[in-house]
Amino acid sequence: MSPVTLGHFRAQARQALADPFLQQALAGATAHFREGRERALAELPDAEALRDHLKAIRRATLARLADHLETFERRAQDAGAVVHWALTPEEATRIVVQIAREHRVQMVVKSKSMTSEEIHLNAALQAAGIQPVETDLGEWIIQLAGESPSHIIAPAVHKTRQQVAELLSRATGQDLSPDDIPALAAAARRFLREKFLLAGMGISGANLAVAETGSIVLVTNEGNGRLVTSAPPVHVAILGIEKIVPTWADAAVWLALLARSATGQPLSVYTSILTGPARPEDVDGPKHMHIILLDNRRSTYVGTSYEEVLQCIRCGACLNVCPVYRKVGGHPYGSPYTGPIGAVISPLLFGLDQYPALPHASTLCTACVDVCPARIDLPRMLIDLRTETVEEQLIPRVDGWAERGAAWVLRHPRWYRWASRMMRWLLRPFIREGRLHLPPRWDPFAGRRLPAPAPRLFRDLWERGDV
């Protein structure tokens, strides 16, 4: 994979800004999620205190992460599950392929899992001659399109219904109308139900794992998650090691805030608790259950200034308020993890040299902190990563010079005042009807007409008592 440089991100962002269908889809979806979150939290007594409590739980859990993981392993094994430890994505995919071969699996059905996207599991399965089928409707749509998710909880948010109808028509062999949404959903259900019955393995992620009982919790809004984890004879769950909680009391706090922050629901439609494989008296369920605990650099950040990012519960709320994500969508990030959380976690998990642009893909407006259920200070970490990109010379020289120059000017008030006045004077020829009209080749704002500078500087107004 090519690094996501500033040039790459800017080019992708310009394409996104020029796509009216994408702009409409992003505006509608993110507004819907924001409004739902606000309503749901307003109905929750002491929501702010609960967020503080979740923050304390996540901090305390990470402080004893190894102990809680070992407890989880023991309890999960007592329940009949097999627990695997994967240090790298490659190790995790090898384990999955090995399990599939042991059970002579030719096709797997998958529930939506960001961790499986992180390790590029579908590509590894296909390389091993095993067919992966996404069964979450949004994930299946982007699988048919050969694309990656553009949102943590709404992977196909960038697709119009016309595009969805075309993809489903091609997959099912039917002529489906984009105006008949129930018919589109019904066609998808009919197609995927056969896959559940034929698959030799089901693969899921996990929203959290409870050390107290060795259970994993799967939160979805579609019934596919339950079919994936119960219909095939083998179930494999893949999760990051940070998804652990010590007790069910802690899990209750996590769940009380997860759906409210993500989709504005008090609780997702399907919240499934899985503890080991099926027992003799169970009417359904897998005969074999495997749990893969993925590290992929996570443990290296415990006890560092970046540990806070491991408190994330993957609700996606920060994406829905981010002014950058709301305009460019997820694909310019070039990672399964997008938006403010992706701008921090992608460089940490995959290497800053692979994602040097992402720490700069933010206005640092702090809206992400305001909505994060765990109050994660993403802007602080973005600034730290920006510093690293400059120190390691991972951004273009011109950008590095500009940032160093800006830092110097901001440290010297006299020069800052002079630069402000000089900039107003230089821009004067490009002001028409109260707006800036820069030549296209100089315009970093993709043709947007910004307001002209104010006639007087704020500093001057303040010193003269006019504000």
Protein backbone atom coordinates (compact mmCIF):
# COMPACT_ATOMS: atom_id res chain seq x y z
CA MET A 1 0.00 0.00 0.00
CA SER A 2 1.27 3.46 -0.88
CA PRO A 3 1.68 5.94 2.00
CA VAL A 4 -1.15 8.40 2.54
CA THR A 5 0.85 11.56 1.98
CA LEU A 6 -0.43 15.12 2.18
CA GLY A 7 -0.57 15.23 -1.61
CA HIS A 8 -2.61 12.03 -1.77
CA PHE A 9 -5.03 13.19 0.93
CA ARG A 10 -5.51 16.59 -0.69
CA ALA A 11 -6.16 15.05 -4.11
CA GLN A 12 -8.70 12.61 -2.66
CA ALA A 13 -10.33 15.40 -0.65
CA ARG A 14 -10.72 17.57 -3.76
CA GLN A 15 -12.50 14.70 -5.53
CA ALA A 16 -14.81 14.24 -2.57
CA LEU A 17 -15.65 17.93 -2.40
CA ALA A 18 -16.53 17.91 -6.10
CA ASP A 19 -18.95 14.96 -5.71
CA PRO A 20 -22.46 16.35 -5.04
CA PHE A 21 -23.91 12.90 -4.28
CA LEU A 22 -21.24 12.24 -1.66
CA GLN A 23 -21.73 15.67 -0.11
CA GLN A 24 -25.46 15.07 0.19
CA ALA A 25 -24.99 11.58 1.65
CA LEU A 26 -22.41 12.72 4.20
CA ALA A 27 -24.43 15.73 5.29
CA GLY A 28 -27.61 13.70 5.76
CA ALA A 29 -26.05 10.72 7.54
CA THR A 30 -23.80 12.62 9.93
CA ALA A 31 -26.59 15.07 10.82
CA HIS A 32 -28.92 12.13 11.53
CA PHE A 33 -26.36 10.50 13.84
CA ARG A 34 -25.57 13.78 15.63
CA GLU A 35 -29.22 14.57 16.29
CA GLY A 36 -29.89 11.02 17.47
CA ARG A 37 -26.97 11.15 19.87
CA GLU A 38 -28.11 14.44 21.37
CA ARG A 39 -31.65 13.14 21.94
CA ALA A 40 -30.49 9.85 23.42
CA LEU A 41 -28.05 11.40 25.87
CA ALA A 42 -30.58 14.04 26.89
CA GLU A 43 -32.90 11.22 27.97
CA LEU A 44 -30.18 9.53 30.03
CA PRO A 45 -29.99 10.66 33.68
CA ASP A 46 -26.54 11.94 34.66
CA ALA A 47 -25.10 11.29 31.21
CA GLU A 48 -22.06 13.47 31.86
CA ALA A 49 -21.30 11.66 35.11
CA LEU A 50 -21.62 8.35 33.27
CA ARG A 51 -19.09 9.53 30.68
CA ASP A 52 -16.70 10.39 33.50
CA HIS A 53 -17.29 6.93 34.97
CA LEU A 54 -16.54 5.26 31.62
CA LYS A 55 -13.34 7.29 31.36
CA ALA A 56 -12.27 6.08 34.81
CA ILE A 57 -13.11 2.46 33.94
CA ARG A 58 -11.13 2.55 30.70
CA ARG A 59 -8.13 4.19 32.40
CA ALA A 60 -8.12 1.67 35.26
CA THR A 61 -8.56 -1.27 32.88
CA LEU A 62 -5.59 -0.29 30.74
CA ALA A 63 -3.47 0.13 33.87
CA ARG A 64 -3.92 -3.63 34.51
CA LEU A 65 -4.48 -4.74 30.94
CA ALA A 66 -2.32 -7.88 31.09
CA ASP A 67 -4.07 -9.13 34.25
CA HIS A 68 -7.54 -8.67 32.76
CA LEU A 69 -6.55 -10.37 29.51
CA GLU A 70 -5.18 -13.38 31.37
CA THR A 71 -8.37 -13.60 33.42
CA PHE A 72 -10.42 -13.44 30.24
CA GLU A 73 -8.35 -16.19 28.66
CA ARG A 74 -8.87 -18.53 31.64
CA ARG A 75 -12.61 -17.92 31.84
CA ALA A 76 -13.12 -18.23 28.08
CA GLN A 77 -11.22 -21.52 28.05
CA ASP A 78 -13.28 -22.76 31.02
CA ALA A 79 -16.36 -22.05 28.88
CA GLY A 80 -14.98 -24.17 26.05
CA ALA A 81 -13.50 -21.53 23.73
CA VAL A 82 -9.99 -21.67 22.29
CA VAL A 83 -8.06 -18.42 22.80
CA HIS A 84 -5.29 -17.38 20.41
CA TRP A 85 -2.82 -14.50 20.78
CA ALA A 86 -1.75 -12.63 17.63
CA LEU A 87 1.06 -10.12 17.81
CA THR A 88 0.71 -8.94 14.20
CA PRO A 89 -2.02 -8.82 11.52
CA GLU A 90 -0.14 -11.48 9.57
CA GLU A 91 -0.18 -13.80 12.57
CA ALA A 92 -3.93 -13.22 13.05
CA THR A 93 -4.74 -14.06 9.42
CA ARG A 94 -2.55 -17.18 9.57
CA ILE A 95 -4.52 -18.39 12.59
CA VAL A 96 -7.85 -17.84 10.82
CA VAL A 97 -6.69 -19.62 7.67
CA GLN A 98 -5.28 -22.50 9.72
CA ILE A 99 -8.60 -22.95 11.58
CA ALA A 100 -10.47 -22.88 8.28
CA ARG A 101 -8.21 -25.53 6.77
CA GLU A 102 -8.47 -27.76 9.82
CA HIS A 103 -12.26 -27.78 9.38
CA ARG A 104 -12.08 -27.95 5.56
CA VAL A 105 -13.92 -24.67 5.20
CA GLN A 106 -14.45 -23.35 1.69
CA MET A 107 -16.70 -20.36 2.47
CA VAL A 108 -17.03 -18.11 5.50
CA VAL A 109 -19.73 -15.61 6.42
CA LYS A 110 -18.66 -12.47 8.23
CA SER A 111 -20.34 -10.01 10.53
CA LYS A 112 -19.14 -6.39 10.39
CA SER A 113 -15.72 -6.19 12.02
CA MET A 114 -13.33 -3.27 11.87
CA THR A 115 -10.60 -5.53 13.25
CA SER A 116 -10.94 -7.88 10.28
CA GLU A 117 -10.62 -4.83 8.01
CA GLU A 118 -7.53 -3.79 9.97
CA ILE A 119 -5.78 -7.10 9.23
CA HIS A 120 -7.05 -7.34 5.61
CA LEU A 121 -8.64 -10.68 6.40
CA ASN A 122 -10.73 -10.97 3.24
CA ALA A 123 -7.66 -10.74 1.03
CA ALA A 124 -5.86 -13.39 3.13
CA LEU A 125 -8.83 -15.75 2.91
CA GLN A 126 -9.14 -15.30 -0.84
CA ALA A 127 -5.41 -15.96 -1.26
CA ALA A 128 -5.95 -19.24 0.61
CA GLY A 129 -8.82 -20.24 -1.70
CA ILE A 130 -11.53 -19.50 0.89
CA GLN A 131 -14.50 -17.33 -0.10
CA PRO A 132 -15.43 -14.59 2.41
CA VAL A 133 -18.97 -13.22 2.28
CA GLU A 134 -19.84 -10.04 4.18
CA THR A 135 -23.37 -10.28 5.60
CA ASP A 136 -23.83 -6.84 7.13
CA LEU A 137 -25.79 -5.04 4.39
CA GLY A 138 -23.45 -2.05 4.26
CA GLU A 139 -20.33 -4.23 4.31
CA TRP A 140 -21.76 -6.50 1.59
CA ILE A 141 -22.49 -3.48 -0.60
CA ILE A 142 -18.91 -2.21 -0.40
CA GLN A 143 -17.58 -5.76 -0.88
CA LEU A 144 -19.56 -5.96 -4.11
CA ALA A 145 -18.14 -2.57 -5.10
CA GLY A 146 -14.58 -3.63 -4.24
CA GLU A 147 -14.21 -0.73 -1.81
CA SER A 148 -13.33 -0.21 1.84
CA PRO A 149 -15.65 1.11 4.58
CA SER A 150 -16.06 4.87 4.75
CA HIS A 151 -17.53 5.04 8.27
CA ILE A 152 -17.03 2.96 11.41
CA ILE A 153 -20.75 2.24 11.87
CA ALA A 154 -22.12 3.02 8.40
CA PRO A 155 -19.63 1.52 5.93
CA ALA A 156 -21.67 2.31 2.79
CA VAL A 157 -22.75 5.82 3.77
CA HIS A 158 -21.09 7.15 0.61
CA LYS A 159 -23.29 5.09 -1.73
CA THR A 160 -26.48 6.40 -3.32
CA ARG A 161 -29.51 4.12 -3.62
CA GLN A 162 -29.02 4.09 -7.39
CA GLN A 163 -25.51 2.71 -6.94
CA VAL A 164 -26.76 0.19 -4.37
CA ALA A 165 -29.54 -0.99 -6.69
CA GLU A 166 -27.05 -1.49 -9.52
CA LEU A 167 -24.70 -3.52 -7.30
CA LEU A 168 -27.48 -5.71 -5.89
CA SER A 169 -29.02 -6.25 -9.31
CA ARG A 170 -25.70 -7.51 -10.61
CA ALA A 171 -25.17 -9.79 -7.60
CA THR A 172 -28.66 -11.30 -7.49
CA GLY A 173 -29.44 -11.34 -11.22
CA GLN A 174 -32.62 -9.34 -10.66
CA ASP A 175 -33.69 -5.99 -12.08
CA LEU A 176 -34.07 -4.02 -8.85
CA SER A 177 -35.46 -0.50 -8.66
CA PRO A 178 -33.54 2.09 -6.60
CA ASP A 179 -36.89 3.55 -5.50
CA ASP A 180 -38.10 0.33 -3.85
CA ILE A 181 -35.98 0.12 -0.68
CA PRO A 182 -37.94 -2.83 0.86
CA ALA A 183 -37.41 -4.82 -2.35
CA LEU A 184 -33.66 -4.11 -2.24
CA ALA A 185 -33.47 -5.29 1.37
CA ALA A 186 -35.55 -8.38 0.63
CA ALA A 187 -33.33 -9.35 -2.31
CA ALA A 188 -30.25 -9.03 -0.10
CA ARG A 189 -31.83 -11.19 2.61
CA ARG A 190 -32.77 -13.94 0.16
CA PHE A 191 -29.28 -13.99 -1.31
CA LEU A 192 -27.45 -14.01 2.04
CA ARG A 193 -29.65 -16.56 3.83
CA GLU A 194 -28.34 -19.28 1.56
CA LYS A 195 -24.79 -18.29 2.48
CA PHE A 196 -25.47 -18.69 6.21
CA LEU A 197 -26.58 -22.28 5.63
CA LEU A 198 -23.68 -23.20 3.33
CA ALA A 199 -20.82 -21.54 5.24
CA GLY A 200 -18.44 -23.72 7.22
CA MET A 201 -17.27 -20.85 9.41
CA GLY A 202 -18.63 -17.60 10.83
CA ILE A 203 -16.27 -14.72 11.59
CA SER A 204 -17.17 -11.77 13.79
CA GLY A 205 -15.53 -9.01 15.73
CA ALA A 206 -16.49 -8.11 19.27
CA ASN A 207 -17.49 -4.79 20.76
CA LEU A 208 -16.13 -5.82 24.12
CA ALA A 209 -14.91 -8.84 26.06
CA VAL A 210 -15.81 -9.42 29.71
CA ALA A 211 -12.99 -10.91 31.79
CA GLU A 212 -15.35 -11.90 34.61
CA THR A 213 -17.02 -14.65 32.54
CA GLY A 214 -14.86 -15.00 29.42
CA SER A 215 -17.74 -13.68 27.30
CA ILE A 216 -17.69 -11.50 24.21
CA VAL A 217 -20.44 -9.00 23.39
CA LEU A 218 -21.53 -8.31 19.82
CA VAL A 219 -23.60 -5.17 19.15
CA THR A 220 -25.40 -4.93 15.80
CA ASN A 221 -28.58 -3.55 14.26
CA GLU A 222 -29.05 -6.48 11.90
CA GLY A 223 -29.76 -10.13 12.67
CA ASN A 224 -26.81 -11.23 10.55
CA GLY A 225 -24.49 -11.09 13.55
CA ARG A 226 -26.46 -13.76 15.36
CA LEU A 227 -26.63 -15.96 12.27
CA VAL A 228 -22.89 -15.63 11.67
CA THR A 229 -22.13 -16.69 15.25
CA SER A 230 -24.67 -19.51 15.51
CA ALA A 231 -25.45 -21.13 12.13
CA PRO A 232 -21.98 -22.28 10.96
CA PRO A 233 -20.28 -25.07 12.97
CA VAL A 234 -17.20 -22.91 13.66
CA HIS A 235 -17.18 -19.36 15.04
CA VAL A 236 -14.05 -17.19 15.08
CA ALA A 237 -14.11 -13.83 16.90
CA ILE A 238 -11.29 -11.32 16.34
CA LEU A 239 -10.81 -8.35 18.66
CA GLY A 240 -8.15 -5.91 19.75
CA ILE A 241 -6.69 -6.48 23.20
CA GLU A 242 -8.00 -3.09 24.39
CA LYS A 243 -11.63 -4.23 24.07
CA ILE A 244 -11.52 -5.87 27.51
CA VAL A 245 -13.61 -4.90 30.56
CA PRO A 246 -13.09 -6.49 33.98
CA THR A 247 -16.72 -7.01 35.05
CA TRP A 248 -20.29 -6.97 33.82
CA ALA A 249 -20.89 -3.81 35.85
CA ASP A 250 -18.20 -2.14 33.74
CA ALA A 251 -19.70 -3.59 30.56
CA ALA A 252 -23.09 -2.09 31.46
CA VAL A 253 -21.56 1.41 31.49
CA TRP A 254 -19.90 0.80 28.12
CA LEU A 255 -23.15 -0.47 26.58
CA ALA A 256 -25.22 2.38 28.06
CA LEU A 257 -23.11 4.88 26.12
CA LEU A 258 -22.15 2.92 22.99
CA ALA A 259 -25.44 2.84 21.06
CA ARG A 260 -26.49 6.28 22.28
CA SER A 261 -23.23 7.77 21.02
CA ALA A 262 -23.24 5.81 17.78
CA THR A 263 -26.81 5.72 16.46
CA GLY A 264 -28.90 7.51 19.08
CA GLN A 265 -30.49 4.30 20.37
CA PRO A 266 -30.80 3.37 24.06
CA LEU A 267 -29.55 -0.07 23.05
CA SER A 268 -28.82 -1.58 19.66
CA VAL A 269 -31.46 -3.92 18.25
CA TYR A 270 -29.21 -6.95 18.69
CA THR A 271 -26.89 -7.08 21.68
CA SER A 272 -25.58 -10.65 21.82
CA ILE A 273 -23.56 -12.22 24.64
CA LEU A 274 -21.47 -15.21 23.60
CA THR A 275 -19.79 -17.46 26.15
CA GLY A 276 -18.09 -20.47 24.63
CA PRO A 277 -19.44 -22.84 21.96
CA ALA A 278 -22.84 -24.53 22.07
CA ARG A 279 -23.50 -26.87 24.98
CA PRO A 280 -25.15 -30.29 24.55
CA GLU A 281 -28.52 -28.93 25.64
CA ASP A 282 -28.39 -25.91 23.27
CA VAL A 283 -30.66 -26.09 20.21
CA ASP A 284 -28.19 -24.16 18.06
CA GLY A 285 -24.78 -22.56 18.13
CA PRO A 286 -21.29 -23.43 16.89
CA LYS A 287 -19.51 -26.63 17.85
CA HIS A 288 -16.21 -24.78 18.00
CA MET A 289 -15.46 -21.24 19.15
CA HIS A 290 -12.10 -19.51 18.66
CA ILE A 291 -11.19 -16.06 20.01
CA ILE A 292 -8.21 -14.20 18.55
CA LEU A 293 -6.77 -11.41 20.69
CA LEU A 294 -4.91 -9.00 18.39
CA ASP A 295 -2.11 -6.76 19.57
CA ASN A 296 -0.79 -5.03 16.42
CA ARG A 297 1.28 -2.45 18.38
CA ARG A 298 -1.45 -1.72 20.92
CA SER A 299 0.58 -2.93 23.89
CA THR A 300 3.47 -0.64 22.94
CA TYR A 301 1.33 2.42 23.70
CA VAL A 302 0.22 1.35 27.17
CA GLY A 303 1.86 3.71 29.65
CA THR A 304 2.74 6.28 26.97
CA SER A 305 1.23 9.62 26.00
CA TYR A 306 -0.80 7.76 23.35
CA GLU A 307 -2.39 5.25 25.74
CA GLU A 308 -5.59 7.31 25.85
CA VAL A 309 -6.46 6.33 22.28
CA LEU A 310 -6.92 2.73 23.50
CA GLN A 311 -9.93 3.93 25.53
CA CYS A 312 -11.96 4.28 22.31
CA ILE A 313 -15.16 2.20 22.17
CA ARG A 314 -15.59 2.64 18.38
CA CYS A 315 -18.90 4.52 18.46
CA GLY A 316 -18.05 6.82 15.53
CA ALA A 317 -19.39 9.95 17.24
CA CYS A 318 -16.19 11.88 16.51
CA LEU A 319 -16.61 11.27 12.76
CA ASN A 320 -20.10 12.76 12.78
CA VAL A 321 -18.98 16.10 14.24
CA CYS A 322 -15.62 16.43 12.50
CA PRO A 323 -15.73 19.23 9.88
CA VAL A 324 -13.08 17.44 7.81
CA TYR A 325 -14.74 14.02 7.77
CA ARG A 326 -18.17 15.54 7.12
CA LYS A 327 -16.84 17.03 3.88
CA VAL A 328 -14.39 14.44 2.53
CA GLY A 329 -15.78 11.17 3.91
CA GLY A 330 -13.69 8.17 4.83
CA HIS A 331 -11.84 7.08 1.70
CA PRO A 332 -9.19 9.86 1.62
CA TYR A 333 -7.91 8.50 4.95
CA GLY A 334 -6.83 5.28 3.21
CA SER A 335 -7.49 3.27 6.38
CA PRO A 336 -10.30 1.23 7.95
CA TYR A 337 -10.25 3.80 10.75
CA THR A 338 -11.31 7.24 9.57
CA GLY A 339 -12.18 10.64 11.02
CA PRO A 340 -10.46 12.01 14.13
CA ILE A 341 -9.98 8.59 15.75
CA GLY A 342 -8.56 7.23 12.51
CA ALA A 343 -6.20 10.19 12.18
CA VAL A 344 -4.61 9.12 15.47
CA ILE A 345 -4.94 5.35 15.56
CA SER A 346 -3.98 4.62 11.94
CA PRO A 347 -0.46 6.13 12.24
CA LEU A 348 -0.02 4.36 15.58
CA LEU A 349 -1.13 0.90 14.39
CA PHE A 350 0.28 0.95 10.86
CA GLY A 351 3.19 3.40 11.13
CA LEU A 352 3.42 7.16 10.89
CA ASP A 353 5.50 6.75 7.73
CA GLN A 354 2.46 5.10 6.08
CA TYR A 355 -0.02 7.76 7.23
CA PRO A 356 1.89 11.05 7.53
CA ALA A 357 -1.06 13.09 6.23
CA LEU A 358 -3.69 12.01 8.75
CA PRO A 359 -2.52 14.00 11.80
CA HIS A 360 -2.86 17.09 9.60
CA ALA A 361 -6.40 16.18 8.48
CA SER A 362 -8.01 18.07 11.34
CA THR A 363 -9.01 21.61 12.24
CA LEU A 364 -8.25 20.92 15.93
CA CYS A 365 -11.69 22.35 16.75
CA THR A 366 -12.02 19.88 19.71
CA ALA A 367 -15.58 18.89 18.75
CA CYS A 368 -14.41 15.25 18.90
CA VAL A 369 -13.55 15.62 22.58
CA ASP A 370 -16.96 17.14 23.31
CA VAL A 371 -18.85 14.13 21.93
CA CYS A 372 -16.50 11.27 22.81
CA PRO A 373 -18.16 9.07 25.46
CA ALA A 374 -14.72 8.43 26.98
CA ARG A 375 -13.61 12.09 26.59
CA ILE A 376 -10.48 11.07 24.65
CA ASP A 377 -8.25 14.08 23.95
CA LEU A 378 -7.65 13.39 20.27
CA PRO A 379 -6.46 16.95 19.44
CA ARG A 380 -3.57 16.62 21.91
CA MET A 381 -2.41 13.41 20.25
CA LEU A 382 -2.88 14.89 16.78
CA ILE A 383 -0.55 17.75 17.72
CA ASP A 384 2.02 15.28 19.06
CA LEU A 385 1.86 13.27 15.85
CA ARG A 386 2.16 16.43 13.77
CA THR A 387 5.32 17.25 15.66
CA GLU A 388 6.68 13.81 14.86
CA THR A 389 5.89 14.16 11.14
CA VAL A 390 7.90 17.40 11.03
CA GLU A 391 10.79 16.02 13.10
CA GLU A 392 10.97 12.87 10.96
CA GLN A 393 10.63 14.92 7.75
CA LEU A 394 7.54 12.97 6.66
CA ILE A 395 5.79 15.94 5.10
CA PRO A 396 6.82 17.96 2.02
CA ARG A 397 9.60 20.46 2.63
CA VAL A 398 7.39 23.39 1.72
CA ASP A 399 4.83 22.36 4.33
CA GLY A 400 7.58 21.86 6.90
CA TRP A 401 9.01 25.31 6.21
CA ALA A 402 5.53 26.83 6.40
CA GLU A 403 4.82 25.19 9.75
CA ARG A 404 8.17 26.20 11.23
CA GLY A 405 7.66 29.74 9.95
CA ALA A 406 4.15 29.92 11.37
CA ALA A 407 5.39 28.64 14.73
CA TRP A 408 8.10 31.30 14.83
CA VAL A 409 5.66 34.09 13.94
CA LEU A 410 3.16 32.94 16.57
CA ARG A 411 5.87 33.04 19.23
CA HIS A 412 6.65 36.68 18.47
CA PRO A 413 3.62 39.00 18.86
CA ARG A 414 5.27 41.92 17.07
CA TRP A 415 5.99 39.86 13.96
CA TYR A 416 2.51 38.29 14.16
CA ARG A 417 0.92 41.74 14.08
CA TRP A 418 3.13 42.79 11.16
CA ALA A 419 2.30 39.56 9.23
CA SER A 420 -1.43 40.07 9.80
CA ARG A 421 -1.31 43.56 8.36
CA MET A 422 0.91 42.48 5.47
CA MET A 423 -1.45 39.62 4.59
CA ARG A 424 -4.43 41.99 4.50
CA TRP A 425 -2.50 44.28 2.17
CA LEU A 426 -1.40 41.41 -0.14
CA LEU A 427 -4.94 40.07 -0.44
CA ARG A 428 -6.48 43.44 -1.29
CA PRO A 429 -6.23 42.97 -5.12
CA PHE A 430 -8.23 39.73 -4.89
CA ILE A 431 -11.20 41.15 -2.99
CA ARG A 432 -14.42 41.59 -4.95
CA GLU A 433 -17.86 42.08 -3.46
CA GLY A 434 -16.65 41.23 0.02
CA ARG A 435 -15.13 37.87 -1.01
CA LEU A 436 -11.70 36.54 -1.84
CA HIS A 437 -11.25 35.46 -5.49
CA LEU A 438 -7.84 33.79 -5.67
CA PRO A 439 -6.46 32.51 -9.00
CA PRO A 440 -7.26 28.77 -9.35
CA ARG A 441 -3.62 27.63 -9.18
CA TRP A 442 -3.11 29.56 -5.93
CA ASP A 443 -6.43 28.62 -4.38
CA PRO A 444 -6.03 26.07 -1.52
CA PHE A 445 -9.76 26.19 -0.82
CA ALA A 446 -10.99 24.37 -3.95
CA GLY A 447 -12.82 27.37 -5.33
CA ARG A 448 -14.75 28.25 -2.17
CA ARG A 449 -15.19 31.98 -1.82
CA LEU A 450 -13.95 32.97 1.62
CA PRO A 451 -14.96 36.27 3.20
CA ALA A 452 -12.55 39.14 2.74
CA PRO A 453 -10.40 40.11 5.75
CA ALA A 454 -12.13 42.46 8.18
CA PRO A 455 -11.36 46.19 7.74
CA ARG A 456 -9.73 46.31 11.20
CA LEU A 457 -7.75 43.70 13.11
CA PHE A 458 -9.35 42.25 16.22
CA ARG A 459 -6.24 43.13 18.22
CA ASP A 460 -6.68 46.80 17.26
CA LEU A 461 -10.38 46.71 18.19
CA TRP A 462 -9.53 45.13 21.54
CA GLU A 463 -6.78 47.59 22.43
CA ARG A 464 -9.06 50.55 21.63
CA GLY A 465 -11.95 49.15 23.64
CA ASP A 466 -14.23 48.76 20.64
CA VAL A 467 -15.21 45.16 21.52
